[in-house]
Protein backbone atom coordinates (compact mmCIF):
# COMPACT_ATOMS: atom_id res chain seq x y z
CA ARG A 1 95.64 71.70 74.51
CA ASP A 2 94.84 73.14 77.93
CA ALA A 3 97.97 75.75 77.79
CA ILE A 4 96.40 77.20 74.51
CA ASP A 5 93.47 77.16 75.90
CA ARG A 6 94.09 79.72 79.08
CA LYS A 7 96.49 81.47 77.42
CA GLU A 8 93.43 82.75 74.75
CA LYS A 9 91.74 83.40 78.14
CA ARG A 10 93.94 84.91 79.11
CA SER A 11 94.84 87.92 76.22
CA GLU A 12 91.57 88.58 76.64
CA THR A 13 91.42 89.82 80.62
CA PHE A 14 94.85 91.05 79.91
CA LYS A 15 93.44 93.49 77.54
CA THR A 16 91.90 95.08 80.48
CA ALA A 17 93.73 93.57 84.25
CA VAL A 18 96.79 95.01 82.68
CA HIS A 19 97.12 98.88 83.51
CA GLY A 20 98.85 101.02 86.34
CA LEU A 21 97.29 102.75 88.84
CA GLU A 22 97.16 106.68 88.06
CA THR A 23 95.66 108.99 85.64
CA GLY A 24 97.73 109.14 82.33
CA THR A 25 99.36 105.59 82.61
CA PRO A 26 98.54 104.43 79.25
CA ALA A 27 97.08 100.50 79.19
CA LEU A 28 99.67 97.93 78.23
CA LYS A 29 98.16 96.23 75.53
CA THR A 30 97.91 91.88 74.97
CA GLU A 31 99.99 92.25 71.59
CA GLU A 32 102.47 94.37 73.51
CA LEU A 33 103.12 92.03 76.62
CA GLY A 34 106.16 91.45 76.99
CA ARG A 35 107.29 93.25 74.17
CA ARG A 36 107.15 96.90 75.27
CA ALA A 37 108.03 97.65 78.55
CA PRO A 38 105.38 98.87 81.16
CA GLN A 39 105.04 101.78 83.14
CA TRP A 40 105.89 100.19 86.49
CA VAL A 41 102.84 101.33 89.50
CA ARG A 42 104.71 103.09 92.18
CA ASP A 43 105.69 101.30 95.53
CA ASN A 44 103.66 103.41 97.72
CA LEU A 45 100.63 103.58 95.59
CA VAL A 46 99.69 99.67 97.06
CA THR A 47 100.07 98.40 100.42
CA MET A 48 99.51 94.56 99.79
CA CYS A 49 100.87 92.28 96.59
CA MET A 50 98.45 93.07 93.69
CA ARG A 51 98.62 88.96 92.51
CA CYS A 52 97.34 87.54 96.43
CA LYS A 53 96.91 90.51 97.99
CA GLU A 54 98.80 89.81 100.94
CA PRO A 55 100.50 92.83 103.07
CA PHE A 56 103.92 93.85 102.17
CA ASN A 57 106.66 94.68 105.17
CA ALA A 58 110.18 95.23 105.27
CA ILE A 59 111.72 91.89 106.66
CA MET A 60 109.04 88.61 105.27
CA ARG A 61 107.26 89.83 102.14
CA ARG A 62 108.92 93.14 100.08
CA ARG A 63 108.20 94.52 97.08
CA HIS A 64 108.86 93.82 93.88
CA HIS A 65 107.48 94.75 90.24
CA CYS A 66 106.82 92.52 87.38
CA ARG A 67 108.52 93.57 84.79
CA ALA A 68 105.66 92.52 82.58
CA CYS A 69 103.12 93.79 83.36
CA GLY A 70 104.83 96.62 85.89
CA TYR A 71 102.25 95.19 88.87
CA VAL A 72 103.98 95.67 92.34
CA VAL A 73 103.88 91.81 93.23
CA CYS A 74 105.23 90.17 96.46
CA ALA A 75 108.63 87.60 96.12
CA ARG A 76 106.10 84.39 96.28
CA CYS A 77 104.42 85.74 93.36
CA SER A 78 106.84 86.61 91.02
CA ASP A 79 108.96 84.02 91.03
CA TYR A 80 108.68 83.26 87.80
CA LYS A 81 111.67 83.57 84.68
CA ALA A 82 109.77 84.85 81.46
CA GLU A 83 111.76 86.07 77.81
CA LEU A 84 110.94 89.58 77.27
CA GLN A 85 110.86 91.02 73.85
CA TYR A 86 111.77 94.78 74.72
CA ASP A 87 114.78 93.79 76.94
CA GLY A 88 116.44 91.52 73.86
CA ASN A 89 115.17 88.26 74.77
CA ARG A 90 116.81 88.04 78.28
CA LEU A 91 115.20 86.28 81.67
CA ASN A 92 113.20 88.61 83.42
CA ARG A 93 111.42 88.47 86.50
CA VAL A 94 107.61 88.34 86.14
CA CYS A 95 104.52 87.39 87.95
CA GLN A 96 102.79 84.31 87.29
CA GLU A 97 99.73 85.33 85.92
CA CYS A 98 102.35 87.24 82.81
CA TYR A 99 104.33 83.93 83.29
CA VAL A 100 101.49 81.93 81.74
CA PHE A 101 100.32 84.24 79.03
CA LEU A 102 104.18 84.43 77.93
CA THR A 103 105.16 80.84 78.33
CA GLY A 104 102.13 79.36 77.70
CA HIS A 105 103.33 76.50 80.64
CA VAL A 106 100.69 75.09 82.88
CA VAL A 107 101.71 76.61 86.97
CA LEU A 108 100.32 73.54 89.30
CA GLU A 109 98.14 75.74 91.60
CA ASP A 110 97.11 77.72 88.79
CA ARG A 111 93.56 75.11 88.04
CA GLU A 112 90.10 76.01 87.00
CA GLY A 113 87.96 76.06 90.05
CA LYS A 114 90.43 77.20 91.95
CA PRO A 115 88.45 79.96 94.58
CA LYS A 116 89.42 83.12 92.61
CA GLY A 117 90.74 86.42 94.47
CA ILE A 118 89.29 89.74 95.66
CA LEU A 119 91.18 91.28 92.52
CA GLU A 120 90.11 89.06 90.25
CA LYS A 121 86.22 89.37 90.17
CA GLY A 122 84.97 91.59 88.37
CA ALA A 123 83.53 95.08 89.64
CA ALA A 124 80.07 94.50 89.03
CA GLU A 125 79.92 91.43 90.73
CA VAL A 126 81.20 92.38 93.61
CA SER A 127 79.32 95.80 93.62
CA GLY A 128 76.40 94.29 94.09
CA ARG A 129 77.20 92.72 97.19
CA SER A 130 78.64 95.68 98.64
CA LEU A 131 78.45 97.65 101.75
CA LEU A 132 78.98 100.58 100.03
CA CYS A 133 80.26 101.37 96.02
CA SER A 134 80.25 104.50 94.07
CA SER A 135 82.67 106.35 91.93
CA LEU A 136 85.32 108.58 93.58
CA GLN A 137 88.58 110.38 93.00
CA LEU A 138 91.77 109.25 95.26
CA LEU A 139 93.97 113.09 94.78
CA ASP A 140 97.67 113.06 94.13
CA LYS A 141 100.18 113.79 96.94
CA ASN A 142 100.18 117.73 95.76
CA GLY A 143 96.09 117.28 95.75
CA LYS A 144 95.99 118.68 92.02
CA GLY A 145 95.61 115.20 89.99
CA GLY A 146 94.80 112.17 90.64
CA THR A 147 92.56 108.85 89.90
CA ARG A 148 89.25 108.80 89.32
CA GLY A 149 87.41 104.94 89.96
CA TRP A 150 84.67 102.58 90.96
CA PHE A 151 85.25 102.19 94.71
CA VAL A 152 84.27 99.41 96.50
CA ILE A 153 83.71 97.75 99.94
CA PRO A 154 82.40 94.08 99.60
CA GLN A 155 80.33 92.57 102.26
CA ASP A 156 82.93 89.64 102.48
CA ASP A 157 86.16 91.46 103.06
CA PRO A 158 84.02 94.11 104.98
CA LEU A 159 87.34 95.26 105.95
CA VAL A 160 88.99 96.74 102.76
CA LEU A 161 89.14 99.32 100.22
CA TYR A 162 89.18 97.94 96.39
CA ILE A 163 89.10 100.16 93.67
CA TYR A 164 88.71 99.31 89.69
CA ALA A 165 89.49 102.00 87.24
CA ALA A 166 85.76 101.61 85.75
CA PRO A 167 82.19 100.23 87.58
CA GLN A 168 82.37 96.84 84.88
CA ASP A 169 86.17 96.28 85.21
CA VAL A 170 87.01 92.16 85.07
CA ARG A 171 89.24 92.71 88.47
CA ALA A 172 90.78 95.85 90.62
CA HIS A 173 93.73 96.84 90.41
CA THR A 174 94.70 97.74 93.94
CA SER A 175 93.25 97.83 97.31
CA ILE A 176 93.49 99.38 100.57
CA PRO A 177 93.37 97.64 103.93
CA LEU A 178 91.38 99.81 106.06
CA LEU A 179 92.07 98.16 110.27
CA GLY A 180 93.63 101.19 111.53
CA TYR A 181 92.93 104.26 109.23
CA GLN A 182 91.71 107.59 110.75
CA VAL A 183 88.75 109.12 109.09
CA ARG A 184 89.58 113.07 109.01
CA ASP A 185 87.14 115.17 107.12
CA LEU A 186 88.16 118.43 105.16
CA PRO A 187 86.54 121.89 104.47
CA GLN A 188 85.10 122.04 101.05
CA GLY A 189 87.65 123.52 99.10
CA ASP A 190 86.93 124.88 95.20
CA SER A 191 83.58 123.00 95.24
CA ARG A 192 84.71 119.62 96.23
CA HIS A 193 84.22 117.53 98.91
CA LEU A 194 87.23 115.96 100.66
CA PHE A 195 87.81 113.62 102.81
CA GLN A 196 90.81 111.90 104.09
CA LEU A 197 92.50 108.07 105.60
CA VAL A 198 95.05 108.86 107.82
CA GLN A 199 97.47 105.92 109.52
CA SER A 200 101.23 107.25 110.61
CA ARG A 201 103.02 108.80 107.03
CA GLN A 202 100.21 107.27 105.12
CA VAL A 203 97.60 109.52 103.61
CA TYR A 204 94.98 109.10 101.14
CA THR A 205 92.85 112.21 99.83
CA PHE A 206 89.25 111.31 98.53
CA VAL A 207 86.87 113.73 96.50
CA ALA A 208 83.61 112.48 96.85
CA ASP A 209 80.54 113.96 94.08
CA THR A 210 78.46 115.35 96.57
CA GLU A 211 78.23 116.33 100.54
CA GLU A 212 76.23 113.05 101.36
CA LEU A 213 77.85 110.81 99.52
CA LYS A 214 80.67 111.96 101.47
CA ARG A 215 79.26 111.39 104.31
CA ARG A 216 78.22 107.85 103.76
CA TRP A 217 81.99 107.20 102.30
CA MET A 218 82.95 108.59 106.07
CA ARG A 219 81.00 106.18 108.36
CA ALA A 220 81.37 103.19 106.09
CA MET A 221 85.31 103.85 106.36
CA ALA A 222 85.31 104.53 109.93
CA ARG A 223 83.25 101.27 110.75
CA SER A 224 85.75 99.23 108.34
CA ALA A 225 88.82 101.23 110.29
CA ALA A 226 87.51 100.41 113.95
CA GLY A 227 87.03 96.54 112.90
CA ILE A 228 83.10 96.61 112.65
CA THR A 229 82.67 93.73 109.94
CA ASP A 230 78.26 94.14 110.48
CA ALA A 231 75.82 95.92 108.04
CA GLU A 232 74.58 99.44 109.33
CA GLU A 233 72.94 100.26 106.70
CA GLY A 234 73.06 97.23 104.60
CA LYS A 235 73.77 97.10 100.71
CA ASP A 236 74.65 100.49 100.13
CA ALA A 237 75.68 101.37 96.07
CA ASP A 238 75.58 104.98 94.17
CA SER A 239 76.42 105.23 90.07
């Protein structure tokens, strides 16, 4: 009964949770999970496991893709096997969430009452206690297209930027640890208010709706990148 209840609950959450980061990536409907090959989230669009939030590194924590939902996950979070119909019902590597959904098996550490990771918390809940939140556009590498979403720096996790597809989504689809990044202003081009996060070869380019909103994001990100965790302006939210 417990397994059935969990499977039904996950059926609802997967309707909005299972999708890629890039614009144009179609959502994978619940009934298609395991029946249709997902579009994988590209490795270079995430810096940490999309399930447990642990940062990736080349030696101890490497990237893997869940063959059911396409998320980029660490070895620990993808240490499960499930039969996937689109691959001839062969066993494939999947994340814990997809394993529970597809098989109905209850994973021991997956208990009711277990604290939710920040990625599993709804955008509205996190935005209500954020240092700054608003709609932004994250450009792709060529600067011509990108992903528009809802971006949040939570009060209880002020060194990380969380990205939701929409303000009411039930979970964030990725996150960017801000510590150590440089915030760079860019000249206004084509009436777009541009700024960047830069660290080594990793560059994220953002577009704000107004110059004022751009400045507020630059200040907030610069403080987080410097490790400053107290709120300078208090809760700050924009729609």
